[in-house]
């Protein structure tokens, strides 16, 4: 369980969802040995959907750094399958009001497994930033997207070696393939780099950037 020194907060999440997420956040903070590292950890609902993406804010606080992780509520739900083969689902000229309140996940949509993956992955990524392992201002703009995808592989590889929840290798391979295949056919060097990063053979930003620069451009 997390230390009382670390306050866990949900901002903008439906209360039913926050109770489910808070339980898993407590476990993640303890599993990553972060209890007391932060004065507070907030999970903030954001209305911009992403592919399990998140946005971070780290500010000083009276009891230590205060971390806010902003994300869409779908990050805590099961993957949704397409319900129709027609796209877009409705004519683009058909106006409708966006819901003011996010749909509250119920037992059929909430996923404790994906919540564990999300929280462990992003808490460990924030630690890389906090400890100076990552320096975002040193990443060339043209390589930002590629670097983010490869570093995500490194984070989940570390979690796997620590026997902690994270996105599985198959899921990371799929995302890696979707990104790098936009530049042409994936070469053996792509997969060699993927495996090396997953296994921890490229543990720092300099090594990852060097490998990306040697690959065919996106």
N, C-alpha and C. Protein backbone atom coordinates (compact mmCIF):
# COMPACT_ATOMS: atom_id res chain seq x y z
N UNK A 1 0.84 -1.20 0.00
CA UNK A 1 0.00 0.00 0.00
C UNK A 1 0.87 1.24 0.00
N UNK A 2 0.34 2.34 -0.56
CA UNK A 2 1.14 3.56 -0.64
C UNK A 2 1.21 4.24 0.72
N UNK A 3 2.27 5.00 0.90
CA UNK A 3 2.48 5.72 2.14
C UNK A 3 1.46 6.83 2.29
N UNK A 4 1.04 7.15 3.55
CA UNK A 4 0.14 8.29 3.75
C UNK A 4 0.76 9.60 3.28
N UNK A 5 2.08 9.63 3.09
CA UNK A 5 2.73 10.85 2.64
C UNK A 5 2.38 11.19 1.20
N UNK A 6 1.93 10.22 0.45
CA UNK A 6 1.55 10.44 -0.94
C UNK A 6 0.03 10.50 -1.04
N UNK A 7 -0.50 11.67 -1.37
CA UNK A 7 -1.94 11.84 -1.52
C UNK A 7 -2.33 11.48 -2.95
N UNK A 8 -3.35 10.65 -3.11
CA UNK A 8 -3.85 10.24 -4.41
C UNK A 8 -5.16 10.96 -4.68
N UNK A 9 -5.25 11.59 -5.85
CA UNK A 9 -6.42 12.40 -6.17
C UNK A 9 -6.90 12.12 -7.58
N UNK A 10 -8.19 12.14 -7.77
CA UNK A 10 -8.80 12.05 -9.09
C UNK A 10 -9.49 13.37 -9.40
N UNK A 11 -9.17 13.95 -10.54
CA UNK A 11 -9.72 15.25 -10.92
C UNK A 11 -10.53 15.10 -12.20
N UNK A 12 -11.82 15.35 -12.11
CA UNK A 12 -12.67 15.29 -13.28
C UNK A 12 -13.12 13.89 -13.65
N UNK A 13 -12.72 12.88 -12.91
CA UNK A 13 -13.18 11.52 -13.18
C UNK A 13 -14.49 11.28 -12.43
N UNK A 14 -15.42 10.56 -13.05
CA UNK A 14 -16.62 10.15 -12.31
C UNK A 14 -16.21 9.40 -11.04
N UNK A 15 -16.94 9.63 -9.97
CA UNK A 15 -16.54 9.07 -8.68
C UNK A 15 -16.43 7.55 -8.72
N UNK A 16 -17.35 6.91 -9.46
CA UNK A 16 -17.31 5.44 -9.53
C UNK A 16 -16.02 4.97 -10.20
N UNK A 17 -15.62 5.68 -11.26
CA UNK A 17 -14.39 5.31 -11.95
C UNK A 17 -13.18 5.60 -11.07
N UNK A 18 -13.15 6.74 -10.41
CA UNK A 18 -12.01 7.08 -9.58
C UNK A 18 -11.77 6.06 -8.48
N UNK A 19 -12.82 5.54 -7.88
CA UNK A 19 -12.64 4.54 -6.83
C UNK A 19 -11.94 3.30 -7.38
N UNK A 20 -12.27 2.93 -8.61
CA UNK A 20 -11.62 1.77 -9.23
C UNK A 20 -10.16 2.08 -9.56
N UNK A 21 -9.92 3.27 -10.12
CA UNK A 21 -8.57 3.65 -10.52
C UNK A 21 -7.69 3.87 -9.29
N UNK A 22 -8.24 4.47 -8.25
CA UNK A 22 -7.45 4.76 -7.04
C UNK A 22 -6.88 3.48 -6.43
N UNK A 23 -7.67 2.43 -6.45
CA UNK A 23 -7.20 1.15 -5.91
C UNK A 23 -5.97 0.67 -6.68
N UNK A 24 -6.01 0.78 -8.01
CA UNK A 24 -4.89 0.32 -8.82
C UNK A 24 -3.71 1.29 -8.72
N UNK A 25 -3.99 2.60 -8.56
CA UNK A 25 -2.92 3.57 -8.41
C UNK A 25 -2.16 3.34 -7.11
N UNK A 26 -2.88 2.98 -6.06
CA UNK A 26 -2.24 2.65 -4.79
C UNK A 26 -1.25 1.50 -4.96
N UNK A 27 -1.67 0.48 -5.69
CA UNK A 27 -0.81 -0.68 -5.94
C UNK A 27 0.39 -0.28 -6.80
N UNK A 28 0.17 0.54 -7.82
CA UNK A 28 1.26 0.93 -8.72
C UNK A 28 2.31 1.76 -7.99
N UNK A 29 1.88 2.71 -7.18
CA UNK A 29 2.82 3.54 -6.42
C UNK A 29 3.67 2.67 -5.50
N UNK A 30 3.04 1.70 -4.86
CA UNK A 30 3.79 0.81 -3.98
C UNK A 30 4.72 -0.10 -4.78
N UNK A 31 4.22 -0.67 -5.88
CA UNK A 31 5.02 -1.61 -6.66
C UNK A 31 6.26 -0.98 -7.27
N UNK A 32 6.15 0.30 -7.63
CA UNK A 32 7.30 1.02 -8.19
C UNK A 32 8.13 1.72 -7.12
N UNK A 33 7.78 1.48 -5.86
CA UNK A 33 8.52 2.02 -4.72
C UNK A 33 8.58 3.55 -4.78
N UNK A 34 7.43 4.16 -5.06
CA UNK A 34 7.35 5.61 -5.18
C UNK A 34 6.67 6.25 -3.98
N UNK A 35 6.26 5.45 -3.01
CA UNK A 35 5.59 6.01 -1.84
C UNK A 35 6.49 7.04 -1.17
N UNK A 36 6.00 8.24 -1.01
CA UNK A 36 6.79 9.31 -0.41
C UNK A 36 7.61 10.10 -1.41
N UNK A 37 7.77 9.60 -2.63
CA UNK A 37 8.51 10.34 -3.65
C UNK A 37 7.75 11.60 -4.05
N UNK A 38 6.44 11.49 -4.13
CA UNK A 38 5.58 12.60 -4.50
C UNK A 38 4.70 12.99 -3.33
N UNK A 39 4.48 14.28 -3.18
CA UNK A 39 3.54 14.71 -2.17
C UNK A 39 2.12 14.36 -2.58
N UNK A 40 1.85 14.40 -3.89
CA UNK A 40 0.53 14.05 -4.40
C UNK A 40 0.67 13.52 -5.82
N UNK A 41 -0.20 12.59 -6.17
CA UNK A 41 -0.32 12.09 -7.54
C UNK A 41 -1.78 12.26 -7.94
N UNK A 42 -1.99 13.00 -9.01
CA UNK A 42 -3.34 13.23 -9.52
C UNK A 42 -3.53 12.51 -10.85
N UNK A 43 -4.72 11.95 -11.03
CA UNK A 43 -5.15 11.46 -12.33
C UNK A 43 -6.23 12.41 -12.80
N UNK A 44 -5.96 13.09 -13.91
CA UNK A 44 -6.83 14.17 -14.39
C UNK A 44 -7.51 13.74 -15.68
N UNK A 45 -8.84 13.83 -15.71
CA UNK A 45 -9.59 13.48 -16.92
C UNK A 45 -9.38 14.54 -17.99
N UNK A 46 -9.07 14.09 -19.20
CA UNK A 46 -8.87 14.97 -20.34
C UNK A 46 -9.83 14.54 -21.43
N UNK A 47 -10.37 15.50 -22.17
CA UNK A 47 -11.36 15.15 -23.19
C UNK A 47 -10.76 14.87 -24.56
N UNK A 48 -9.43 14.83 -24.66
CA UNK A 48 -8.78 14.51 -25.92
C UNK A 48 -8.41 13.03 -25.92
N UNK A 49 -9.13 12.20 -26.69
CA UNK A 49 -8.82 10.77 -26.69
C UNK A 49 -7.47 10.48 -27.31
N UNK A 50 -6.80 9.50 -26.79
CA UNK A 50 -5.51 9.10 -27.33
C UNK A 50 -5.35 7.60 -27.19
N UNK A 51 -4.30 7.08 -27.77
CA UNK A 51 -4.04 5.64 -27.74
C UNK A 51 -3.27 5.33 -26.46
N UNK A 52 -3.94 5.45 -25.33
CA UNK A 52 -3.33 5.27 -24.01
C UNK A 52 -2.24 6.31 -23.77
N UNK A 53 -2.34 7.46 -24.40
CA UNK A 53 -1.39 8.53 -24.20
C UNK A 53 -1.70 9.27 -22.91
N UNK A 54 -0.74 10.08 -22.45
CA UNK A 54 -0.93 10.87 -21.24
C UNK A 54 -0.07 12.12 -21.34
N UNK A 55 -0.45 13.11 -20.56
CA UNK A 55 0.29 14.37 -20.47
C UNK A 55 0.65 14.57 -19.01
N UNK A 56 1.87 15.06 -18.75
CA UNK A 56 2.37 15.15 -17.39
C UNK A 56 2.59 16.59 -16.96
N UNK A 57 2.35 16.83 -15.69
CA UNK A 57 2.71 18.11 -15.09
C UNK A 57 3.31 17.81 -13.72
N UNK A 58 4.50 18.33 -13.49
CA UNK A 58 5.20 18.10 -12.22
C UNK A 58 5.56 19.45 -11.62
N UNK A 59 4.97 19.74 -10.46
CA UNK A 59 5.16 21.03 -9.81
C UNK A 59 5.61 20.83 -8.37
N UNK A 60 6.35 21.79 -7.82
CA UNK A 60 6.73 21.68 -6.41
C UNK A 60 5.52 21.82 -5.50
N UNK A 61 5.56 21.14 -4.39
CA UNK A 61 4.46 21.21 -3.41
C UNK A 61 5.01 21.20 -2.01
N UNK A 62 4.19 21.50 -1.02
CA UNK A 62 4.66 21.58 0.37
C UNK A 62 5.18 20.25 0.92
N UNK A 63 4.68 19.14 0.38
CA UNK A 63 5.09 17.82 0.88
C UNK A 63 5.90 17.04 -0.15
N UNK A 64 6.43 17.75 -1.15
CA UNK A 64 7.19 17.09 -2.19
C UNK A 64 6.58 17.38 -3.55
N UNK A 65 7.21 16.91 -4.63
CA UNK A 65 6.69 17.19 -5.98
C UNK A 65 5.25 16.68 -6.13
N UNK A 66 4.45 17.44 -6.84
CA UNK A 66 3.06 17.05 -7.10
C UNK A 66 2.92 16.72 -8.58
N UNK A 67 2.54 15.48 -8.85
CA UNK A 67 2.46 14.97 -10.22
C UNK A 67 1.01 14.90 -10.67
N UNK A 68 0.73 15.42 -11.86
CA UNK A 68 -0.58 15.28 -12.48
C UNK A 68 -0.42 14.53 -13.80
N UNK A 69 -1.16 13.46 -13.97
CA UNK A 69 -1.17 12.67 -15.20
C UNK A 69 -2.55 12.86 -15.83
N UNK A 70 -2.59 13.53 -16.98
CA UNK A 70 -3.86 13.79 -17.67
C UNK A 70 -4.06 12.76 -18.78
N UNK A 71 -5.28 12.24 -18.89
CA UNK A 71 -5.55 11.21 -19.88
C UNK A 71 -7.05 11.13 -20.11
N UNK A 72 -7.43 10.36 -21.11
CA UNK A 72 -8.84 10.12 -21.38
C UNK A 72 -9.31 8.94 -20.54
N UNK A 73 -10.59 8.95 -20.15
CA UNK A 73 -11.10 7.86 -19.32
C UNK A 73 -11.03 6.51 -20.04
N UNK A 74 -10.97 6.53 -21.38
CA UNK A 74 -10.88 5.26 -22.11
C UNK A 74 -9.59 4.52 -21.82
N UNK A 75 -8.59 5.21 -21.28
CA UNK A 75 -7.33 4.55 -20.94
C UNK A 75 -7.54 3.46 -19.89
N UNK A 76 -8.65 3.51 -19.17
CA UNK A 76 -8.93 2.56 -18.10
C UNK A 76 -9.99 1.54 -18.51
N UNK A 77 -10.28 1.48 -19.79
CA UNK A 77 -11.35 0.60 -20.28
C UNK A 77 -10.80 -0.46 -21.22
N UNK A 78 -11.61 -1.46 -21.42
CA UNK A 78 -11.27 -2.49 -22.39
C UNK A 78 -11.22 -1.88 -23.78
N UNK A 79 -10.44 -2.48 -24.66
CA UNK A 79 -10.39 -2.03 -26.04
C UNK A 79 -11.78 -2.14 -26.64
N UNK A 80 -12.18 -1.10 -27.37
CA UNK A 80 -13.48 -1.11 -28.01
C UNK A 80 -13.37 -1.64 -29.44
N UNK A 81 -14.26 -2.53 -29.79
CA UNK A 81 -14.28 -3.08 -31.15
C UNK A 81 -15.19 -2.22 -32.01
N UNK A 82 -14.87 -2.14 -33.30
CA UNK A 82 -15.71 -1.38 -34.22
C UNK A 82 -17.12 -1.95 -34.24
N UNK A 83 -18.11 -1.06 -34.15
CA UNK A 83 -19.50 -1.49 -34.16
C UNK A 83 -20.14 -1.36 -35.54
N UNK A 84 -19.42 -0.79 -36.50
CA UNK A 84 -19.97 -0.59 -37.83
C UNK A 84 -18.84 -0.60 -38.84
N UNK A 85 -19.18 -0.93 -40.09
CA UNK A 85 -18.18 -0.88 -41.16
C UNK A 85 -18.28 0.42 -41.94
N UNK A 86 -19.20 1.28 -41.53
CA UNK A 86 -19.39 2.56 -42.20
C UNK A 86 -18.60 3.63 -41.47
N UNK A 87 -17.80 4.39 -42.23
CA UNK A 87 -17.03 5.47 -41.63
C UNK A 87 -17.13 6.71 -42.51
N UNK A 88 -17.43 7.88 -41.93
CA UNK A 88 -17.74 8.09 -40.51
C UNK A 88 -19.08 7.49 -40.14
N UNK A 89 -19.29 7.31 -38.85
CA UNK A 89 -20.49 6.65 -38.37
C UNK A 89 -21.73 7.44 -38.75
N UNK A 90 -21.66 8.79 -38.73
CA UNK A 90 -22.78 9.63 -39.11
C UNK A 90 -22.30 10.65 -40.13
N UNK A 91 -23.19 11.19 -40.95
CA UNK A 91 -22.77 12.21 -41.92
C UNK A 91 -22.11 13.38 -41.21
N UNK A 92 -21.08 13.92 -41.82
CA UNK A 92 -20.33 14.99 -41.17
C UNK A 92 -21.17 16.25 -41.01
N UNK A 93 -22.26 16.37 -41.79
CA UNK A 93 -23.11 17.56 -41.66
C UNK A 93 -24.20 17.39 -40.60
N UNK A 94 -24.28 16.19 -40.01
CA UNK A 94 -25.29 15.92 -38.99
C UNK A 94 -24.78 16.45 -37.65
N UNK A 95 -25.28 17.59 -37.22
CA UNK A 95 -24.80 18.23 -36.00
C UNK A 95 -25.37 17.55 -34.76
N UNK A 96 -24.57 17.48 -33.72
CA UNK A 96 -25.04 16.93 -32.44
C UNK A 96 -24.19 17.52 -31.34
N UNK A 97 -24.75 17.56 -30.15
CA UNK A 97 -24.05 18.12 -29.01
C UNK A 97 -23.14 17.07 -28.39
N UNK A 98 -21.92 17.49 -28.09
CA UNK A 98 -21.00 16.58 -27.42
C UNK A 98 -21.45 16.40 -25.97
N UNK A 99 -21.29 15.20 -25.40
CA UNK A 99 -21.68 15.00 -24.01
C UNK A 99 -20.84 15.84 -23.08
N UNK A 100 -21.48 16.41 -22.07
CA UNK A 100 -20.76 17.24 -21.11
C UNK A 100 -20.06 16.40 -20.05
N UNK A 101 -20.57 15.20 -19.81
CA UNK A 101 -20.01 14.32 -18.79
C UNK A 101 -19.52 13.05 -19.46
N UNK A 102 -18.27 12.62 -19.21
CA UNK A 102 -17.77 11.39 -19.83
C UNK A 102 -18.64 10.20 -19.45
N UNK A 103 -18.76 9.27 -20.38
CA UNK A 103 -19.50 8.06 -20.08
C UNK A 103 -18.79 7.30 -18.96
N UNK A 104 -19.56 6.90 -17.97
CA UNK A 104 -18.98 6.23 -16.82
C UNK A 104 -18.78 4.76 -17.15
N UNK A 105 -17.55 4.26 -17.13
CA UNK A 105 -17.35 2.84 -17.41
C UNK A 105 -18.03 1.98 -16.35
N UNK A 106 -18.61 0.89 -16.77
CA UNK A 106 -19.18 -0.04 -15.82
C UNK A 106 -18.35 -1.32 -15.84
N UNK A 107 -18.84 -2.36 -15.19
CA UNK A 107 -18.06 -3.58 -15.08
C UNK A 107 -17.76 -4.20 -16.44
N UNK A 108 -18.58 -3.89 -17.43
CA UNK A 108 -18.37 -4.48 -18.76
C UNK A 108 -17.33 -3.71 -19.57
N UNK A 109 -16.99 -2.49 -19.17
CA UNK A 109 -16.04 -1.69 -19.93
C UNK A 109 -14.75 -1.41 -19.18
N UNK A 110 -14.81 -1.26 -17.85
CA UNK A 110 -13.60 -1.00 -17.08
C UNK A 110 -12.69 -2.20 -17.10
N UNK A 111 -11.38 -1.95 -17.18
CA UNK A 111 -10.40 -3.03 -17.20
C UNK A 111 -9.30 -2.74 -16.18
N UNK A 112 -9.27 -3.52 -15.13
CA UNK A 112 -8.20 -3.37 -14.14
C UNK A 112 -6.85 -3.67 -14.76
N UNK A 113 -6.80 -4.61 -15.71
CA UNK A 113 -5.54 -4.97 -16.35
C UNK A 113 -4.98 -3.80 -17.13
N UNK A 114 -5.81 -3.16 -17.96
CA UNK A 114 -5.32 -2.03 -18.74
C UNK A 114 -5.02 -0.83 -17.86
N UNK A 115 -5.74 -0.69 -16.77
CA UNK A 115 -5.44 0.38 -15.82
C UNK A 115 -4.06 0.16 -15.21
N UNK A 116 -3.76 -1.08 -14.83
CA UNK A 116 -2.43 -1.40 -14.29
C UNK A 116 -1.35 -1.08 -15.32
N UNK A 117 -1.57 -1.49 -16.56
CA UNK A 117 -0.59 -1.23 -17.62
C UNK A 117 -0.35 0.28 -17.75
N UNK A 118 -1.44 1.02 -17.86
CA UNK A 118 -1.36 2.46 -18.05
C UNK A 118 -0.61 3.13 -16.90
N UNK A 119 -1.00 2.85 -15.68
CA UNK A 119 -0.42 3.53 -14.53
C UNK A 119 1.06 3.19 -14.36
N UNK A 120 1.42 1.93 -14.46
CA UNK A 120 2.83 1.55 -14.30
C UNK A 120 3.68 2.17 -15.41
N UNK A 121 3.18 2.11 -16.64
CA UNK A 121 3.95 2.65 -17.77
C UNK A 121 4.21 4.14 -17.58
N UNK A 122 3.20 4.89 -17.26
CA UNK A 122 3.36 6.34 -17.20
C UNK A 122 4.07 6.79 -15.92
N UNK A 123 3.86 6.12 -14.82
CA UNK A 123 4.62 6.46 -13.62
C UNK A 123 6.11 6.23 -13.82
N UNK A 124 6.47 5.14 -14.50
CA UNK A 124 7.89 4.88 -14.73
C UNK A 124 8.46 5.87 -15.75
N UNK A 125 7.67 6.27 -16.74
CA UNK A 125 8.13 7.28 -17.70
C UNK A 125 8.38 8.61 -16.99
N UNK A 126 7.49 8.98 -16.09
CA UNK A 126 7.68 10.22 -15.34
C UNK A 126 8.95 10.15 -14.49
N UNK A 127 9.23 8.97 -13.94
CA UNK A 127 10.47 8.82 -13.17
C UNK A 127 11.70 9.05 -14.04
N UNK A 128 11.65 8.61 -15.29
CA UNK A 128 12.76 8.87 -16.21
C UNK A 128 12.96 10.37 -16.38
N UNK A 129 11.86 11.10 -16.47
CA UNK A 129 11.94 12.56 -16.61
C UNK A 129 12.43 13.20 -15.31
N UNK A 130 11.89 12.76 -14.21
CA UNK A 130 12.24 13.38 -12.92
C UNK A 130 13.70 13.14 -12.56
N UNK A 131 14.19 11.96 -12.86
CA UNK A 131 15.57 11.61 -12.51
C UNK A 131 16.58 12.08 -13.55
N UNK A 132 16.12 12.65 -14.65
CA UNK A 132 17.03 13.15 -15.66
C UNK A 132 17.50 12.13 -16.67
N UNK A 133 16.89 10.94 -16.67
CA UNK A 133 17.23 9.94 -17.69
C UNK A 133 16.76 10.40 -19.06
N UNK A 134 15.66 11.14 -19.08
CA UNK A 134 15.13 11.71 -20.31
C UNK A 134 15.30 13.22 -20.29
N UNK A 135 15.76 13.76 -21.43
CA UNK A 135 15.88 15.21 -21.62
C UNK A 135 15.16 15.55 -22.91
N UNK A 136 13.89 15.93 -22.80
CA UNK A 136 13.09 16.18 -23.98
C UNK A 136 13.64 17.27 -24.88
N UNK A 137 14.30 18.27 -24.28
CA UNK A 137 14.80 19.39 -25.09
C UNK A 137 16.01 19.01 -25.94
N UNK A 138 16.55 17.81 -25.73
CA UNK A 138 17.71 17.36 -26.50
C UNK A 138 17.32 16.44 -27.66
N UNK A 139 16.02 16.19 -27.83
CA UNK A 139 15.55 15.32 -28.90
C UNK A 139 15.20 16.16 -30.11
N UNK A 140 15.84 15.95 -31.26
CA UNK A 140 15.50 16.72 -32.47
C UNK A 140 14.03 16.60 -32.79
N UNK A 141 13.44 17.69 -33.23
CA UNK A 141 11.99 17.69 -33.48
C UNK A 141 11.58 16.62 -34.46
N UNK A 142 12.38 16.39 -35.50
CA UNK A 142 11.99 15.41 -36.52
C UNK A 142 12.03 13.98 -36.00
N UNK A 143 12.65 13.77 -34.83
CA UNK A 143 12.76 12.43 -34.27
C UNK A 143 11.87 12.21 -33.05
N UNK A 144 11.10 13.22 -32.68
CA UNK A 144 10.32 13.14 -31.44
C UNK A 144 9.34 11.96 -31.47
N UNK A 145 8.60 11.82 -32.57
CA UNK A 145 7.60 10.75 -32.63
C UNK A 145 8.26 9.38 -32.59
N UNK A 146 9.34 9.21 -33.35
CA UNK A 146 10.04 7.93 -33.36
C UNK A 146 10.65 7.63 -31.99
N UNK A 147 11.26 8.66 -31.39
CA UNK A 147 11.88 8.44 -30.09
C UNK A 147 10.84 8.05 -29.04
N UNK A 148 9.70 8.71 -29.04
CA UNK A 148 8.66 8.41 -28.05
C UNK A 148 8.21 6.96 -28.18
N UNK A 149 8.06 6.48 -29.42
CA UNK A 149 7.62 5.11 -29.64
C UNK A 149 8.67 4.11 -29.16
N UNK A 150 9.93 4.42 -29.41
CA UNK A 150 11.00 3.49 -29.01
C UNK A 150 11.20 3.53 -27.50
N UNK A 151 11.13 4.73 -26.91
CA UNK A 151 11.31 4.79 -25.45
C UNK A 151 10.18 4.08 -24.71
N UNK A 152 8.99 4.10 -25.29
CA UNK A 152 7.88 3.35 -24.69
C UNK A 152 8.20 1.86 -24.65
N UNK A 153 8.89 1.37 -25.67
CA UNK A 153 9.33 -0.03 -25.67
C UNK A 153 10.30 -0.28 -24.51
N UNK A 154 11.22 0.66 -24.30
CA UNK A 154 12.19 0.51 -23.22
C UNK A 154 11.51 0.48 -21.87
N UNK A 155 10.52 1.33 -21.67
CA UNK A 155 9.82 1.40 -20.39
C UNK A 155 9.11 0.08 -20.10
N UNK A 156 8.38 -0.44 -21.09
CA UNK A 156 7.65 -1.67 -20.85
C UNK A 156 8.57 -2.88 -20.75
N UNK A 157 9.72 -2.82 -21.43
CA UNK A 157 10.70 -3.88 -21.26
C UNK A 157 11.23 -3.93 -19.83
N UNK A 158 11.49 -2.77 -19.26
CA UNK A 158 11.94 -2.72 -17.85
C UNK A 158 10.87 -3.25 -16.91
N UNK A 159 9.62 -2.86 -17.16
CA UNK A 159 8.54 -3.37 -16.31
C UNK A 159 8.45 -4.89 -16.40
N UNK A 160 8.59 -5.43 -17.61
CA UNK A 160 8.52 -6.88 -17.79
C UNK A 160 9.64 -7.57 -17.02
N UNK A 161 10.85 -7.00 -17.06
CA UNK A 161 11.97 -7.62 -16.34
C UNK A 161 11.79 -7.54 -14.83
N UNK A 162 11.03 -6.55 -14.38
CA UNK A 162 10.75 -6.42 -12.95
C UNK A 162 9.48 -7.16 -12.55
N UNK A 163 8.87 -7.84 -13.51
CA UNK A 163 7.63 -8.59 -13.28
C UNK A 163 6.52 -7.68 -12.77
N UNK A 164 6.44 -6.50 -13.35
CA UNK A 164 5.39 -5.55 -13.04
C UNK A 164 4.51 -5.35 -14.26
N UNK A 165 3.28 -4.92 -14.07
CA UNK A 165 2.39 -4.73 -15.22
C UNK A 165 2.90 -3.66 -16.17
N UNK A 166 2.74 -3.91 -17.44
CA UNK A 166 3.10 -2.97 -18.49
C UNK A 166 2.48 -3.46 -19.77
N UNK A 167 2.56 -2.66 -20.82
CA UNK A 167 2.02 -3.11 -22.10
C UNK A 167 2.89 -4.25 -22.63
N UNK A 168 2.26 -5.28 -23.11
CA UNK A 168 2.98 -6.50 -23.50
C UNK A 168 3.78 -6.28 -24.78
N UNK A 169 4.76 -7.16 -24.98
CA UNK A 169 5.64 -7.04 -26.14
C UNK A 169 4.84 -7.03 -27.44
N UNK A 170 3.83 -7.89 -27.55
CA UNK A 170 3.06 -7.96 -28.79
C UNK A 170 2.38 -6.63 -29.09
N UNK A 171 1.87 -5.96 -28.06
CA UNK A 171 1.22 -4.68 -28.28
C UNK A 171 2.23 -3.61 -28.68
N UNK A 172 3.39 -3.63 -28.04
CA UNK A 172 4.43 -2.66 -28.41
C UNK A 172 4.95 -2.92 -29.83
N UNK A 173 5.09 -4.19 -30.20
CA UNK A 173 5.53 -4.51 -31.57
C UNK A 173 4.53 -3.98 -32.58
N UNK A 174 3.25 -4.11 -32.28
CA UNK A 174 2.22 -3.64 -33.20
C UNK A 174 2.30 -2.14 -33.39
N UNK A 175 2.46 -1.39 -32.31
CA UNK A 175 2.55 0.07 -32.41
C UNK A 175 3.84 0.48 -33.12
N UNK A 176 4.92 -0.20 -32.80
CA UNK A 176 6.21 0.06 -33.43
C UNK A 176 6.10 -0.15 -34.93
N UNK A 177 5.46 -1.24 -35.32
CA UNK A 177 5.31 -1.56 -36.73
C UNK A 177 4.48 -0.51 -37.45
N UNK A 178 3.37 -0.09 -36.83
CA UNK A 178 2.50 0.90 -37.48
C UNK A 178 3.24 2.21 -37.73
N UNK A 179 4.08 2.61 -36.79
CA UNK A 179 4.80 3.87 -36.95
C UNK A 179 5.90 3.76 -38.01
N UNK A 180 6.78 2.78 -37.85
CA UNK A 180 7.96 2.74 -38.72
C UNK A 180 7.64 2.22 -40.12
N UNK A 181 6.54 1.51 -40.28
CA UNK A 181 6.20 1.03 -41.62
C UNK A 181 5.72 2.17 -42.52
N UNK A 182 5.40 3.34 -41.94
CA UNK A 182 5.01 4.47 -42.77
C UNK A 182 6.17 4.97 -43.61
N UNK A 183 7.40 4.63 -43.24
CA UNK A 183 8.56 5.05 -44.00
C UNK A 183 8.98 4.03 -45.04
N UNK A 184 8.23 2.96 -45.20
CA UNK A 184 8.57 1.92 -46.16
C UNK A 184 8.55 0.56 -45.48
N UNK A 185 9.19 -0.42 -46.10
CA UNK A 185 9.21 -1.78 -45.57
C UNK A 185 10.09 -1.82 -44.33
N UNK A 186 9.60 -2.51 -43.30
CA UNK A 186 10.41 -2.68 -42.10
C UNK A 186 11.58 -3.61 -42.40
N UNK A 187 12.76 -3.16 -42.00
CA UNK A 187 13.98 -3.91 -42.25
C UNK A 187 14.38 -4.70 -41.00
N UNK A 188 15.26 -5.71 -41.16
CA UNK A 188 15.72 -6.45 -39.98
C UNK A 188 16.30 -5.54 -38.91
N UNK A 189 16.94 -4.45 -39.33
CA UNK A 189 17.51 -3.54 -38.33
C UNK A 189 16.45 -2.95 -37.42
N UNK A 190 15.26 -2.73 -37.95
CA UNK A 190 14.18 -2.22 -37.12
C UNK A 190 13.89 -3.19 -35.97
N UNK A 191 13.75 -4.47 -36.32
CA UNK A 191 13.39 -5.44 -35.29
C UNK A 191 14.55 -5.74 -34.37
N UNK A 192 15.77 -5.66 -34.88
CA UNK A 192 16.93 -5.81 -34.00
C UNK A 192 16.96 -4.71 -32.95
N UNK A 193 16.66 -3.48 -33.39
CA UNK A 193 16.61 -2.38 -32.43
C UNK A 193 15.48 -2.58 -31.43
N UNK A 194 14.31 -2.98 -31.92
CA UNK A 194 13.18 -3.21 -31.02
C UNK A 194 13.57 -4.20 -29.92
N UNK A 195 14.14 -5.32 -30.32
CA UNK A 195 14.48 -6.35 -29.34
C UNK A 195 15.55 -5.87 -28.37
N UNK A 196 16.55 -5.15 -28.90
CA UNK A 196 17.61 -4.64 -28.03
C UNK A 196 17.07 -3.65 -27.01
N UNK A 197 16.17 -2.79 -27.45
CA UNK A 197 15.57 -1.82 -26.51
C UNK A 197 14.72 -2.54 -25.48
N UNK A 198 13.91 -3.49 -25.91
CA UNK A 198 13.06 -4.24 -24.98
C UNK A 198 13.91 -4.98 -23.94
N UNK A 199 15.04 -5.53 -24.38
CA UNK A 199 15.89 -6.32 -23.48
C UNK A 199 16.79 -5.46 -22.60
N UNK A 200 16.80 -4.14 -22.83
CA UNK A 200 17.60 -3.26 -22.00
C UNK A 200 19.00 -3.02 -22.49
N UNK A 201 19.28 -3.39 -23.75
CA UNK A 201 20.63 -3.20 -24.28
C UNK A 201 20.89 -1.75 -24.68
N UNK A 202 19.85 -0.93 -24.75
CA UNK A 202 20.01 0.51 -25.03
C UNK A 202 19.36 1.28 -23.89
N UNK A 203 20.06 1.42 -22.78
CA UNK A 203 19.43 1.92 -21.56
C UNK A 203 19.29 3.42 -21.45
N UNK A 204 19.89 4.18 -22.37
CA UNK A 204 19.82 5.62 -22.21
C UNK A 204 19.39 6.31 -23.50
N UNK A 205 19.11 7.59 -23.37
CA UNK A 205 18.59 8.38 -24.48
C UNK A 205 19.59 8.47 -25.63
N UNK A 206 20.86 8.61 -25.33
CA UNK A 206 21.88 8.74 -26.37
C UNK A 206 21.92 7.50 -27.25
N UNK A 207 21.86 6.32 -26.63
CA UNK A 207 21.91 5.08 -27.40
C UNK A 207 20.69 4.92 -28.28
N UNK A 208 19.52 5.26 -27.75
CA UNK A 208 18.29 5.13 -28.52
C UNK A 208 18.28 6.10 -29.70
N UNK A 209 18.67 7.34 -29.46
CA UNK A 209 18.72 8.32 -30.55
C UNK A 209 19.70 7.90 -31.64
N UNK A 210 20.85 7.36 -31.22
CA UNK A 210 21.82 6.90 -32.20
C UNK A 210 21.28 5.80 -33.08
N UNK A 211 20.53 4.86 -32.47
CA UNK A 211 19.95 3.76 -33.25
C UNK A 211 18.88 4.27 -34.21
N UNK A 212 18.07 5.20 -33.76
CA UNK A 212 17.03 5.74 -34.62
C UNK A 212 17.62 6.45 -35.83
N UNK A 213 18.70 7.18 -35.60
CA UNK A 213 19.33 7.91 -36.71
C UNK A 213 19.88 6.96 -37.77
N UNK A 214 20.22 5.74 -37.40
CA UNK A 214 20.76 4.78 -38.36
C UNK A 214 19.68 4.05 -39.15
N UNK A 215 18.42 4.23 -38.75
CA UNK A 215 17.33 3.57 -39.45
C UNK A 215 16.88 4.42 -40.64
N UNK A 216 16.20 3.80 -41.61
CA UNK A 216 15.60 4.60 -42.69
C UNK A 216 14.69 5.67 -42.11
N UNK A 217 14.69 6.83 -42.70
CA UNK A 217 13.90 7.94 -42.17
C UNK A 217 12.41 7.66 -42.29
N UNK A 218 11.65 8.21 -41.35
CA UNK A 218 10.19 8.05 -41.38
C UNK A 218 9.62 8.78 -42.59
